[in-house]
């Protein structure tokens, strides 16, 4: 279903953003 698909994309976007933030914290 479309809504579930969009929810998956949003979840993936947030998880990638969190990973980037964790990477910045580790590098600093």
PDB file of N, CA and C in Angstrom:
ATOM      1  N   UNK A   1       0.830  -1.203   0.000  1.00  0.00           N
ATOM      2  CA  UNK A   1       0.000   0.000   0.000  1.00  0.00           C
ATOM      3  C   UNK A   1       0.867   1.256   0.000  1.00  0.00           C
ATOM      4  N   UNK A   2       0.352   2.336  -0.556  1.00  0.00           N
ATOM      5  CA  UNK A   2       1.161   3.542  -0.748  1.00  0.00           C
ATOM      6  C   UNK A   2       1.627   4.139   0.583  1.00  0.00           C
ATOM      7  N   UNK A   3       0.693   4.223   1.543  1.00  0.00           N
ATOM      8  CA  UNK A   3       1.046   4.843   2.826  1.00  0.00           C
ATOM      9  C   UNK A   3       2.149   4.055   3.519  1.00  0.00           C
ATOM     10  N   UNK A   4       2.036   2.723   3.496  1.00  0.00           N
ATOM     11  CA  UNK A   4       3.065   1.907   4.136  1.00  0.00           C
ATOM     12  C   UNK A   4       4.407   2.109   3.443  1.00  0.00           C
ATOM     13  N   UNK A   5       4.377   2.220   2.122  1.00  0.00           N
ATOM     14  CA  UNK A   5       5.611   2.424   1.361  1.00  0.00           C
ATOM     15  C   UNK A   5       6.253   3.750   1.751  1.00  0.00           C
ATOM     16  N   UNK A   6       5.428   4.795   1.832  1.00  0.00           N
ATOM     17  CA  UNK A   6       5.970   6.107   2.197  1.00  0.00           C
ATOM     18  C   UNK A   6       6.514   6.083   3.618  1.00  0.00           C
ATOM     19  N   UNK A   7       5.830   5.381   4.514  1.00  0.00           N
ATOM     20  CA  UNK A   7       6.307   5.284   5.892  1.00  0.00           C
ATOM     21  C   UNK A   7       7.675   4.611   5.923  1.00  0.00           C
ATOM     22  N   UNK A   8       7.879   3.606   5.093  1.00  0.00           N
ATOM     23  CA  UNK A   8       9.163   2.924   5.031  1.00  0.00           C
ATOM     24  C   UNK A   8      10.255   3.870   4.553  1.00  0.00           C
ATOM     25  N   UNK A   9       9.925   4.688   3.545  1.00  0.00           N
ATOM     26  CA  UNK A   9      10.919   5.636   3.034  1.00  0.00           C
ATOM     27  C   UNK A   9      11.273   6.657   4.107  1.00  0.00           C
ATOM     28  N   UNK A  10      10.270   7.139   4.831  1.00  0.00           N
ATOM     29  CA  UNK A  10      10.528   8.127   5.888  1.00  0.00           C
ATOM     30  C   UNK A  10      11.390   7.505   6.984  1.00  0.00           C
ATOM     31  N   UNK A  11      11.066   6.249   7.347  1.00  0.00           N
ATOM     32  CA  UNK A  11      11.837   5.581   8.394  1.00  0.00           C
ATOM     33  C   UNK A  11      13.290   5.413   7.957  1.00  0.00           C
ATOM     34  N   UNK A  12      13.491   5.048   6.679  1.00  0.00           N
ATOM     35  CA  UNK A  12      14.858   4.869   6.180  1.00  0.00           C
ATOM     36  C   UNK A  12      15.597   6.199   6.200  1.00  0.00           C
ATOM     37  N   UNK A  13      14.882   7.288   5.816  1.00  0.00           N
ATOM     38  CA  UNK A  13      15.511   8.615   5.811  1.00  0.00           C
ATOM     39  C   UNK A  13      15.972   8.994   7.213  1.00  0.00           C
ATOM     40  N   UNK A  14      15.099   8.781   8.211  1.00  0.00           N
ATOM     41  CA  UNK A  14      15.468   9.140   9.580  1.00  0.00           C
ATOM     42  C   UNK A  14      16.605   8.273  10.084  1.00  0.00           C
ATOM     43  N   UNK A  15      16.598   6.984   9.748  1.00  0.00           N
ATOM     44  CA  UNK A  15      17.671   6.102  10.220  1.00  0.00           C
ATOM     45  C   UNK A  15      19.007   6.532   9.611  1.00  0.00           C
ATOM     46  N   UNK A  16      18.994   6.935   8.333  1.00  0.00           N
ATOM     47  CA  UNK A  16      20.239   7.394   7.705  1.00  0.00           C
ATOM     48  C   UNK A  16      20.716   8.674   8.372  1.00  0.00           C
ATOM     49  N   UNK A  17      19.764   9.573   8.690  1.00  0.00           N
ATOM     50  CA  UNK A  17      20.144  10.831   9.332  1.00  0.00           C
ATOM     51  C   UNK A  17      20.742  10.553  10.710  1.00  0.00           C
ATOM     52  N   UNK A  18      20.161   9.608  11.445  1.00  0.00           N
ATOM     53  CA  UNK A  18      20.693   9.268  12.765  1.00  0.00           C
ATOM     54  C   UNK A  18      22.085   8.681  12.636  1.00  0.00           C
ATOM     55  N   UNK A  19      22.308   7.850  11.616  1.00  0.00           N
ATOM     56  CA  UNK A  19      23.627   7.263  11.430  1.00  0.00           C
ATOM     57  C   UNK A  19      24.650   8.359  11.135  1.00  0.00           C
ATOM     58  N   UNK A  20      24.275   9.345  10.318  1.00  0.00           N
ATOM     59  CA  UNK A  20      25.196  10.438  10.014  1.00  0.00           C
ATOM     60  C   UNK A  20      25.517  11.212  11.284  1.00  0.00           C
ATOM     61  N   UNK A  21      24.498  11.464  12.126  1.00  0.00           N
ATOM     62  CA  UNK A  21      24.717  12.217  13.356  1.00  0.00           C
ATOM     63  C   UNK A  21      25.656  11.431  14.272  1.00  0.00           C
ATOM     64  N   UNK A  22      25.448  10.119  14.372  1.00  0.00           N
ATOM     65  CA  UNK A  22      26.326   9.294  15.204  1.00  0.00           C
ATOM     66  C   UNK A  22      27.752   9.340  14.674  1.00  0.00           C
ATOM     67  N   UNK A  23      27.900   9.342  13.357  1.00  0.00           N
ATOM     68  CA  UNK A  23      29.229   9.414  12.751  1.00  0.00           C
ATOM     69  C   UNK A  23      29.905  10.737  13.096  1.00  0.00           C
ATOM     70  N   UNK A  24      29.134  11.828  13.074  1.00  0.00           N
ATOM     71  CA  UNK A  24      29.710  13.125  13.415  1.00  0.00           C
ATOM     72  C   UNK A  24      30.134  13.137  14.876  1.00  0.00           C
ATOM     73  N   UNK A  25      29.341  12.533  15.742  1.00  0.00           N
ATOM     74  CA  UNK A  25      29.674  12.500  17.167  1.00  0.00           C
ATOM     75  C   UNK A  25      30.936  11.685  17.386  1.00  0.00           C
ATOM     76  N   UNK A  26      31.058  10.562  16.664  1.00  0.00           N
ATOM     77  CA  UNK A  26      32.243   9.720  16.831  1.00  0.00           C
ATOM     78  C   UNK A  26      33.488  10.427  16.305  1.00  0.00           C
ATOM     79  N   UNK A  27      33.365  11.174  15.217  1.00  0.00           N
ATOM     80  CA  UNK A  27      34.536  11.808  14.602  1.00  0.00           C
ATOM     81  C   UNK A  27      34.998  13.017  15.409  1.00  0.00           C
ATOM     82  N   UNK A  28      34.095  13.654  16.168  1.00  0.00           N
ATOM     83  CA  UNK A  28      34.474  14.864  16.899  1.00  0.00           C
ATOM     84  C   UNK A  28      35.155  14.533  18.215  1.00  0.00           C
TER      85      UNK A  28
END
